[in-house]
Protein backbone atom coordinates (compact mmCIF):
# COMPACT_ATOMS: atom_id res chain seq x y z
CA THR A 1 11.44 -6.75 21.44
CA SER A 2 13.70 -4.91 23.88
CA ILE A 3 16.57 -7.24 22.98
CA MET A 4 16.04 -6.46 19.30
CA PHE A 5 16.03 -2.71 19.98
CA ASN A 6 19.25 -3.02 22.04
CA LYS A 7 20.95 -4.89 19.22
CA LEU A 8 19.80 -2.33 16.66
CA ALA A 9 20.99 0.49 18.92
CA ILE A 10 24.41 -1.15 19.21
CA ALA A 11 24.48 -1.58 15.45
CA ALA A 12 23.58 2.05 14.88
CA ILE A 13 26.29 3.27 17.27
CA PHE A 14 28.79 0.92 15.69
CA ALA A 15 27.87 2.07 12.20
CA SER A 16 28.01 5.78 12.99
CA SER A 17 31.51 5.44 14.42
CA LEU A 18 32.89 4.00 11.21
CA SER A 19 34.36 5.86 8.27
CA GLN A 20 32.82 5.88 4.81
CA SER A 21 35.10 3.06 3.75
CA SER A 22 33.95 0.85 6.61
CA ALA A 23 32.06 -2.41 6.39
CA PHE A 24 28.74 -0.70 7.07
CA THR A 25 29.15 1.98 4.41
CA PRO A 26 31.31 0.45 1.67
CA SER A 27 32.93 3.04 -0.53
CA SER A 28 31.69 1.30 -3.66
CA PHE A 29 28.15 2.34 -2.68
CA LEU A 30 29.07 5.98 -2.12
CA SER A 31 30.03 7.28 -5.53
CA SER A 32 29.27 10.89 -6.34
CA ARG A 33 26.55 9.71 -8.71
CA THR A 34 24.39 8.06 -6.06
CA ALA A 35 21.30 9.93 -4.93
CA VAL A 36 21.16 8.06 -1.63
CA SER A 37 22.68 9.74 1.40
CA SER A 38 25.41 7.92 3.29
CA SER A 39 23.32 7.94 6.46
CA SER A 40 20.68 5.80 4.77
CA LEU A 41 23.30 3.15 3.98
CA ARG A 42 24.57 2.61 7.51
CA SER A 43 22.96 -0.83 7.67
CA THR A 44 24.60 -2.03 4.46
CA VAL A 45 27.15 -4.68 5.32
CA ASP A 46 30.13 -5.94 3.37
CA PRO A 47 30.48 -9.65 4.32
CA SER A 48 34.16 -9.57 3.36
CA VAL A 49 34.84 -7.19 6.26
CA VAL A 50 32.30 -8.23 8.90
CA THR A 51 31.92 -11.95 9.47
CA LYS A 52 28.52 -13.61 9.61
CA LYS A 53 28.98 -14.30 13.32
CA GLU A 54 29.87 -10.67 14.04
CA TYR A 55 26.83 -9.43 12.13
CA HIS A 56 24.58 -11.96 13.87
CA ASP A 57 25.91 -10.85 17.27
CA ILE A 58 25.21 -7.21 16.43
CA CYS A 59 21.87 -7.43 14.61
CA GLY A 60 20.46 -10.78 15.67
CA VAL A 61 20.09 -12.09 12.09
CA ASP A 62 22.30 -13.47 9.32
CA PHE A 63 22.94 -11.79 5.97
CA ASP A 64 22.91 -14.78 3.65
CA ASP A 65 20.25 -15.10 0.94
CA ALA A 66 18.24 -17.70 2.84
CA SER A 67 17.48 -15.26 5.65
CA LEU A 68 16.93 -12.13 3.56
CA ALA A 69 13.27 -11.76 4.51
CA ASP A 70 14.04 -12.24 8.21
CA ARG A 71 16.93 -9.78 8.04
CA LEU A 72 14.79 -7.08 6.45
CA ARG A 73 12.03 -7.73 8.94
CA LYS A 74 14.31 -7.19 11.92
CA THR A 75 16.54 -4.33 10.82
CA SER A 76 14.58 -1.77 8.83
CA TYR A 77 11.24 -0.91 10.48
CA LEU A 78 9.98 2.61 10.97
CA TYR A 79 6.97 1.27 12.93
CA PRO A 80 8.22 -1.66 15.04
CA LYS A 81 5.21 -1.57 17.38
CA HIS A 82 2.78 -1.63 14.47
CA VAL A 83 4.65 -4.54 12.92
CA GLU A 84 4.53 -6.41 16.22
CA VAL A 85 0.75 -5.93 16.34
CA ILE A 86 0.07 -7.18 12.82
CA GLU A 87 2.38 -10.16 13.29
CA ASP A 88 0.32 -11.08 16.33
CA PHE A 89 -2.76 -11.80 14.21
CA ALA A 90 -0.97 -13.39 11.25
CA PRO A 91 -2.88 -16.66 11.87
CA LEU A 92 -6.11 -14.76 11.08
CA VAL A 93 -4.57 -13.62 7.79
CA ASP A 94 -3.81 -17.25 7.00
CA LYS A 95 -7.49 -17.97 7.54
CA MET A 96 -8.47 -15.04 5.33
CA VAL A 97 -6.34 -16.42 2.50
CA ASP A 98 -8.29 -19.66 2.75
CA ASP A 99 -11.77 -18.29 3.49
CA ILE A 100 -11.97 -14.92 1.71
CA LEU A 101 -9.84 -15.41 -1.38
CA LEU A 102 -11.14 -17.73 -4.07
CA GLU A 103 -9.46 -20.81 -5.40
CA THR A 104 -7.24 -20.04 -8.35
CA GLY A 105 -7.23 -21.25 -11.94
CA ASP A 106 -10.10 -23.29 -13.32
CA LYS A 107 -11.97 -23.26 -10.02
CA SER A 108 -12.37 -19.46 -9.91
CA TRP A 109 -14.23 -17.17 -12.27
CA GLN A 110 -12.25 -15.72 -15.16
CA PRO A 111 -12.94 -12.83 -17.58
CA GLN A 112 -13.63 -15.23 -20.42
CA ASP A 113 -16.66 -16.57 -18.53
CA PHE A 114 -18.45 -13.29 -19.32
CA LEU A 115 -17.28 -12.66 -22.89
CA PRO A 116 -17.89 -14.11 -26.36
CA ASP A 117 -15.73 -17.13 -27.08
CA LEU A 118 -13.90 -16.40 -30.34
CA SER A 119 -13.06 -20.08 -30.76
CA LYS A 120 -16.73 -20.96 -31.33
CA ASP A 121 -18.56 -20.77 -34.64
CA SER A 122 -21.15 -18.48 -33.05
CA TYR A 123 -18.61 -15.84 -32.04
CA ILE A 124 -19.74 -13.29 -34.65
CA ASP A 125 -23.35 -13.48 -33.48
CA ASP A 126 -22.22 -13.31 -29.86
CA ILE A 127 -20.17 -10.18 -30.49
CA LYS A 128 -23.07 -8.60 -32.39
CA ALA A 129 -25.34 -9.27 -29.41
CA LEU A 130 -22.82 -7.63 -27.05
CA ARG A 131 -22.48 -4.59 -29.32
CA GLU A 132 -26.25 -4.22 -29.69
CA SER A 133 -26.61 -4.33 -25.92
CA ALA A 134 -23.82 -1.77 -25.47
CA ALA A 135 -25.35 0.53 -28.09
CA GLY A 136 -28.13 1.44 -25.68
CA VAL A 137 -25.73 2.65 -22.98
CA PRO A 138 -25.26 6.45 -23.06
CA ASP A 139 -21.85 8.04 -23.45
CA ASP A 140 -21.76 9.46 -19.94
CA LEU A 141 -22.09 5.99 -18.41
CA PHE A 142 -19.38 4.73 -20.75
CA VAL A 143 -17.09 7.51 -19.51
CA VAL A 144 -17.57 6.32 -15.93
CA LEU A 145 -17.08 2.70 -16.97
CA VAL A 146 -13.84 3.60 -18.73
CA GLY A 147 -12.61 5.57 -15.70
CA ASP A 148 -13.37 2.61 -13.44
CA MET A 149 -11.56 0.26 -15.83
CA ILE A 150 -8.48 2.49 -15.98
CA THR A 151 -8.43 2.58 -12.20
CA GLU A 152 -8.47 -1.23 -12.11
CA GLU A 153 -5.76 -1.47 -14.77
CA ALA A 154 -3.35 0.48 -12.56
CA LEU A 155 -3.07 -2.68 -10.41
CA PRO A 156 0.78 -2.83 -10.52
CA THR A 157 0.76 0.40 -8.54
CA TYR A 158 -1.50 -1.07 -5.88
CA GLN A 159 0.56 -4.22 -5.38
CA THR A 160 3.60 -1.99 -5.06
CA LEU A 161 1.71 -0.07 -2.37
CA LEU A 162 0.87 -3.25 -0.44
CA ASN A 163 4.54 -4.18 -0.47
CA THR A 164 5.43 -0.91 1.25
CA PHE A 165 3.35 -1.75 4.33
CA GLU A 166 5.95 -2.73 6.91
CA GLY A 167 5.61 -6.31 8.05
CA CYS A 168 3.22 -7.12 5.19
CA ASP A 169 5.67 -7.12 2.32
CA ASP A 170 6.94 -9.87 0.06
CA PRO A 171 10.69 -9.16 -0.02
CA ILE A 172 11.73 -12.10 -2.20
CA GLY A 173 8.63 -12.40 -4.39
CA THR A 174 7.66 -15.86 -3.16
CA THR A 175 7.78 -15.29 0.60
CA ASP A 176 5.77 -17.96 2.40
CA SER A 177 4.20 -15.71 5.02
CA PRO A 178 0.47 -15.09 5.54
CA TRP A 179 0.81 -11.44 4.57
CA ALA A 180 2.79 -12.12 1.39
CA ARG A 181 0.37 -14.86 0.35
CA TRP A 182 -2.56 -12.50 0.98
CA SER A 183 -0.93 -9.77 -1.13
CA ARG A 184 -0.29 -12.09 -4.08
CA GLY A 185 -3.73 -13.71 -3.83
CA TRP A 186 -5.51 -10.36 -3.60
CA THR A 187 -3.58 -9.10 -6.62
CA SER A 188 -4.41 -12.18 -8.67
CA GLU A 189 -8.12 -11.64 -8.04
CA GLU A 190 -8.02 -7.91 -8.70
CA ASN A 191 -6.16 -8.54 -11.96
CA ARG A 192 -9.31 -10.05 -13.46
CA HIS A 193 -11.27 -6.80 -13.10
CA GLY A 194 -9.26 -4.68 -15.49
CA ASP A 195 -8.90 -7.58 -17.93
CA LEU A 196 -12.65 -8.15 -18.09
CA LEU A 197 -13.67 -4.50 -18.41
CA ASN A 198 -10.93 -3.81 -20.95
CA LYS A 199 -12.09 -6.66 -23.22
CA TYR A 200 -15.72 -5.66 -22.87
CA LEU A 201 -14.98 -2.08 -23.88
CA TYR A 202 -12.88 -3.29 -26.83
CA LEU A 203 -15.64 -5.57 -28.12
CA SER A 204 -18.32 -2.92 -27.62
CA GLY A 205 -16.77 -0.72 -30.32
CA ARG A 206 -17.86 2.36 -28.42
CA CYS A 207 -14.45 3.56 -27.26
CA ASP A 208 -11.11 4.78 -28.57
CA MET A 209 -9.03 2.00 -27.05
CA ARG A 210 -5.72 3.64 -27.93
CA ALA A 211 -6.64 6.79 -26.00
CA ILE A 212 -7.64 4.57 -23.08
CA GLU A 213 -4.38 2.63 -23.26
CA VAL A 214 -2.42 5.89 -23.27
CA THR A 215 -4.27 6.93 -20.12
CA ILE A 216 -3.49 3.62 -18.41
CA GLN A 217 0.20 3.94 -19.20
CA HIS A 218 0.27 7.52 -17.93
CA LEU A 219 -1.47 6.52 -14.69
CA ILE A 220 0.91 3.66 -13.92
CA THR A 221 3.89 5.85 -14.79
CA SER A 222 2.66 8.68 -12.56
CA GLY A 223 2.30 6.38 -9.56
CA PHE A 224 0.08 6.67 -6.56
CA ASN A 225 0.57 7.98 -3.02
CA PRO A 226 -2.36 7.51 -0.64
CA GLY A 227 -0.35 8.77 2.31
CA ALA A 228 0.20 5.35 3.89
CA ARG A 229 3.83 6.21 4.72
CA LYS A 230 4.80 2.52 4.89
CA ASP A 231 2.61 2.19 7.98
CA PRO A 232 0.42 -0.96 7.96
CA TYR A 233 -2.16 0.77 10.16
CA ARG A 234 -2.65 3.55 7.65
CA GLY A 235 -2.49 1.10 4.78
CA PHE A 236 -5.34 -1.04 6.08
CA LEU A 237 -7.42 1.99 6.98
CA TYR A 238 -7.03 3.19 3.41
CA THR A 239 -7.84 -0.16 1.82
CA SER A 240 -10.83 -0.61 4.15
CA PHE A 241 -12.23 2.63 2.74
CA GLN A 242 -11.20 2.20 -0.86
CA GLU A 243 -12.45 -1.35 -1.36
CA ARG A 244 -15.90 -0.23 -0.24
CA ALA A 245 -15.75 2.78 -2.56
CA THR A 246 -14.92 0.63 -5.59
CA LYS A 247 -17.67 -1.83 -4.65
CA ILE A 248 -20.18 1.03 -4.61
CA SER A 249 -18.96 2.44 -7.92
CA HIS A 250 -19.01 -0.86 -9.83
CA GLY A 251 -22.36 -1.80 -8.32
CA ASN A 252 -23.99 1.47 -9.33
CA VAL A 253 -22.62 1.28 -12.88
CA GLY A 254 -24.15 -2.18 -13.13
CA LYS A 255 -27.54 -0.97 -11.93
CA LEU A 256 -27.57 1.82 -14.51
CA ALA A 257 -26.45 -0.57 -17.25
CA ARG A 258 -29.42 -2.79 -16.49
CA GLU A 259 -31.77 0.19 -16.85
CA TYR A 260 -30.45 0.64 -20.40
CA GLY A 261 -30.86 -3.03 -21.25
CA ALA A 262 -27.18 -3.99 -21.01
CA THR A 263 -27.73 -7.03 -18.82
CA ASP A 264 -24.37 -8.54 -19.79
CA LEU A 265 -22.59 -5.43 -18.51
CA GLN A 266 -24.72 -5.53 -15.37
CA ARG A 267 -23.52 -9.09 -14.68
CA ILE A 268 -19.91 -8.05 -15.20
CA CYS A 269 -20.15 -5.11 -12.82
CA ALA A 270 -21.98 -7.18 -10.21
CA LYS A 271 -19.29 -9.87 -10.29
CA ILE A 272 -16.51 -7.30 -9.85
CA ALA A 273 -18.42 -5.54 -7.06
CA GLY A 274 -18.73 -8.91 -5.33
CA ASP A 275 -14.96 -9.30 -5.35
CA GLU A 276 -14.52 -5.82 -3.92
CA GLY A 277 -17.00 -6.65 -1.19
CA ARG A 278 -15.04 -9.75 -0.15
CA HIS A 279 -11.80 -7.82 -0.10
CA GLU A 280 -13.45 -5.02 1.85
CA ARG A 281 -14.46 -7.47 4.58
CA ALA A 282 -10.89 -8.73 4.86
CA TYR A 283 -9.23 -5.33 5.18
CA GLN A 284 -11.85 -4.16 7.66
CA SER A 285 -11.21 -7.34 9.67
CA PHE A 286 -7.48 -6.59 9.70
CA SER A 287 -8.18 -3.10 11.05
CA ALA A 288 -10.57 -4.52 13.66
CA GLU A 289 -7.80 -6.81 14.90
CA ILE A 290 -5.47 -3.82 15.21
CA LEU A 291 -8.14 -2.00 17.23
CA LYS A 292 -8.30 -4.90 19.69
CA ARG A 293 -4.57 -4.71 20.31
CA ASP A 294 -3.71 -1.02 19.86
CA PRO A 295 -6.84 1.19 19.78
CA ASP A 296 -4.87 4.33 20.58
CA GLY A 297 -2.47 3.73 17.72
CA LEU A 298 -5.12 3.03 15.10
CA LEU A 299 -7.31 5.98 16.11
CA MET A 300 -4.39 8.38 15.90
CA GLU A 301 -3.65 7.21 12.36
CA PHE A 302 -7.34 7.13 11.38
CA GLY A 303 -7.85 10.74 12.44
CA ASP A 304 -4.71 11.92 10.68
CA LEU A 305 -5.63 10.06 7.47
CA MET A 306 -9.10 11.61 7.47
CA ARG A 307 -7.73 15.13 7.91
CA SER A 308 -5.80 14.77 4.68
CA GLN A 309 -8.81 13.01 3.06
CA ILE A 310 -8.79 9.78 1.11
CA VAL A 311 -6.81 10.05 -2.12
CA MET A 312 -8.61 8.39 -5.00
CA PRO A 313 -6.42 5.83 -6.83
CA ALA A 314 -6.87 7.42 -10.28
CA GLU A 315 -6.37 11.00 -9.18
CA LEU A 316 -3.28 11.40 -11.38
CA MET A 317 -4.90 10.04 -14.54
CA THR A 318 -4.28 11.91 -17.78
CA ASP A 319 -4.62 11.18 -21.47
CA GLY A 320 -1.92 13.70 -22.31
CA LYS A 321 -4.55 16.17 -23.57
CA ASP A 322 -7.07 17.01 -20.87
CA ALA A 323 -5.36 18.52 -17.83
CA LYS A 324 -8.57 18.10 -15.82
CA LEU A 325 -9.40 14.57 -16.95
CA TYR A 326 -9.88 13.12 -13.47
CA GLU A 327 -12.00 16.09 -12.38
CA ASN A 328 -14.17 15.82 -15.48
CA PHE A 329 -14.57 12.07 -15.07
CA SER A 330 -15.50 12.53 -11.39
CA ASP A 331 -18.09 15.17 -12.28
CA VAL A 332 -19.80 12.76 -14.66
CA ALA A 333 -19.75 10.00 -12.02
CA GLN A 334 -21.27 12.35 -9.46
CA ARG A 335 -24.02 13.57 -11.81
CA LEU A 336 -24.99 9.97 -12.54
CA GLY A 337 -24.95 9.09 -8.85
CA VAL A 338 -22.32 6.39 -9.39
CA TYR A 339 -20.00 7.74 -6.70
CA THR A 340 -20.77 10.98 -4.89
CA ALA A 341 -19.63 13.02 -1.91
CA ILE A 342 -22.54 11.50 -0.01
CA ASP A 343 -21.04 8.05 -0.62
CA TYR A 344 -17.76 9.34 0.85
CA ALA A 345 -19.55 10.39 4.04
CA ASP A 346 -21.52 7.14 4.16
CA ILE A 347 -18.34 5.06 3.95
CA ILE A 348 -16.85 6.89 6.92
CA GLN A 349 -20.09 6.29 8.82
CA HIS A 350 -19.96 2.61 7.91
CA LEU A 351 -16.40 2.29 9.25
CA VAL A 352 -17.26 4.14 12.46
CA ASP A 353 -20.24 1.83 13.02
CA HIS A 354 -18.53 -1.37 11.89
CA TRP A 355 -15.55 -0.85 14.21
CA LYS A 356 -17.76 0.60 16.98
CA ILE A 357 -15.41 3.57 17.26
CA GLY A 358 -17.77 5.46 19.56
CA GLU A 359 -17.88 2.58 22.07
CA LEU A 360 -14.12 2.28 22.61
CA THR A 361 -13.01 2.87 26.20
CA GLY A 362 -9.74 3.08 28.10
CA LEU A 363 -8.18 5.37 25.53
CA SER A 364 -5.45 7.92 26.09
CA PRO A 365 -6.51 11.60 26.19
CA GLU A 366 -5.07 12.09 22.69
CA ALA A 367 -6.91 9.09 21.31
CA GLU A 368 -10.16 10.23 22.94
CA LYS A 369 -9.89 13.51 21.01
CA GLU A 370 -9.40 11.56 17.78
CA GLN A 371 -12.34 9.33 18.68
CA GLU A 372 -14.58 12.37 19.04
CA TYR A 373 -13.28 13.89 15.81
CA ILE A 374 -13.78 10.67 13.82
CA CYS A 375 -17.30 10.08 15.13
CA ARG A 376 -18.34 13.59 14.11
CA LEU A 377 -16.87 13.34 10.63
CA PRO A 378 -19.72 11.56 8.80
CA ASP A 379 -22.32 14.21 9.66
CA ARG A 380 -19.87 16.97 8.90
CA TYR A 381 -19.02 15.55 5.48
CA ARG A 382 -22.65 14.79 4.73
CA LYS A 383 -23.68 18.40 5.35
CA LEU A 384 -20.83 19.67 3.19
CA ALA A 385 -21.72 17.15 0.47
CA GLU A 386 -25.39 18.10 0.46
CA ARG A 387 -24.52 21.79 0.26
CA SER A 388 -22.08 21.19 -2.60
CA MET A 389 -24.48 18.94 -4.52
CA ASN A 390 -27.37 21.37 -4.13
CA LYS A 391 -25.16 24.14 -5.46
CA LYS A 392 -24.18 22.04 -8.47
CA LYS A 393 -27.84 21.45 -9.28
CA THR A 394 -28.26 25.17 -9.88
CA GLU A 395 -25.18 25.39 -12.08
CA GLU A 396 -25.30 24.85 -15.80
CA VAL A 397 -23.78 21.53 -16.82
CA VAL A 398 -21.09 22.08 -19.42
CA PRO A 399 -20.42 18.84 -21.33
CA GLN A 400 -16.76 17.95 -21.66
CA SER A 401 -14.98 16.22 -24.51
CA PHE A 402 -13.40 12.84 -23.69
CA SER A 403 -10.75 11.24 -25.87
CA TRP A 404 -11.93 7.85 -24.54
CA ILE A 405 -15.12 8.13 -26.61
CA PHE A 406 -13.57 9.66 -29.73
CA ASP A 407 -13.82 13.21 -28.34
CA ARG A 408 -17.59 13.06 -27.99
CA LYS A 409 -18.92 15.14 -25.13
CA ALA A 410 -20.43 13.85 -21.91
């Protein structure tokens, strides 16, 4: 590692001493139109000026296409120590790909397994049965189901997020590393969730699918920033929390659907919640491995992430009409008990217990302060949640109009 840092330091000094027309900052990249500062391009190399051997001597890697992934891995990290830690347990990630992720294709479940088959003669009767079952589900539960589906359909944003975690990315799209294979496998499984819920909602006839599709497009366009900052530690802390949250939400929607006689919807939600549970175990295992190797580092990031609170993936959703769409959707979910502030506190408690945060020893003084802060958080949030929920019980519920259900109120 020290050799790598020395080489990068030499490269940085070498680059900073060159003019804007040098090999490390080619003038063709520095037109007045570019929005990228010249300082951020110091590592850009023109192979016609610097030979491969010279670049290898300076940076320790080549710059041909075959070594692109290796070059990026060694020359552009903001968190080199964190990358070193996650690379250390890459063999475990390999095992997770084999043991946690399902087999692909015909051997894994697919959305069509839970939906009417339109190629069969009985498809009309099968669709009628689905619609009759869905007819008993109240609008407010459909609003939550739609919100959950839209969240799942923003999957391109989440794979983009995974590829920002340093050391865990897939720089060429087919990188044969444990982390890249995990990212692609996880995405392929998650992709089924939005597909299945989308088709179910379409066949139910209960929703304005165009309004829903507009919301999905807006959400993907708006993007998503959970505050991971390219740091794999923060990224896995976030996904450890969020996978559990989505498991809870889908599971609770399924339980309510069963109460209204929609057993087909209950099966769908249970299957999706099962996926989220498997993925939750993986991300929590990744974080546990980081704790074994760098407890101070993970606790510092955990505390900081909790101070800014967990950003919900669909927080920027909009249908182009309701400026408070996410807030209104969340209020309905909370009133139904699908996902509440109590669940938020319970998830933090689960992570504290699962990782045995309170039992960690040998920490730095700074990390000990974070340890104390994190361990106190669940009770603190629970008290705030109970106070907020009790207050809401005394407030009059004002139904809101949702374009997703043809402007009916929920």
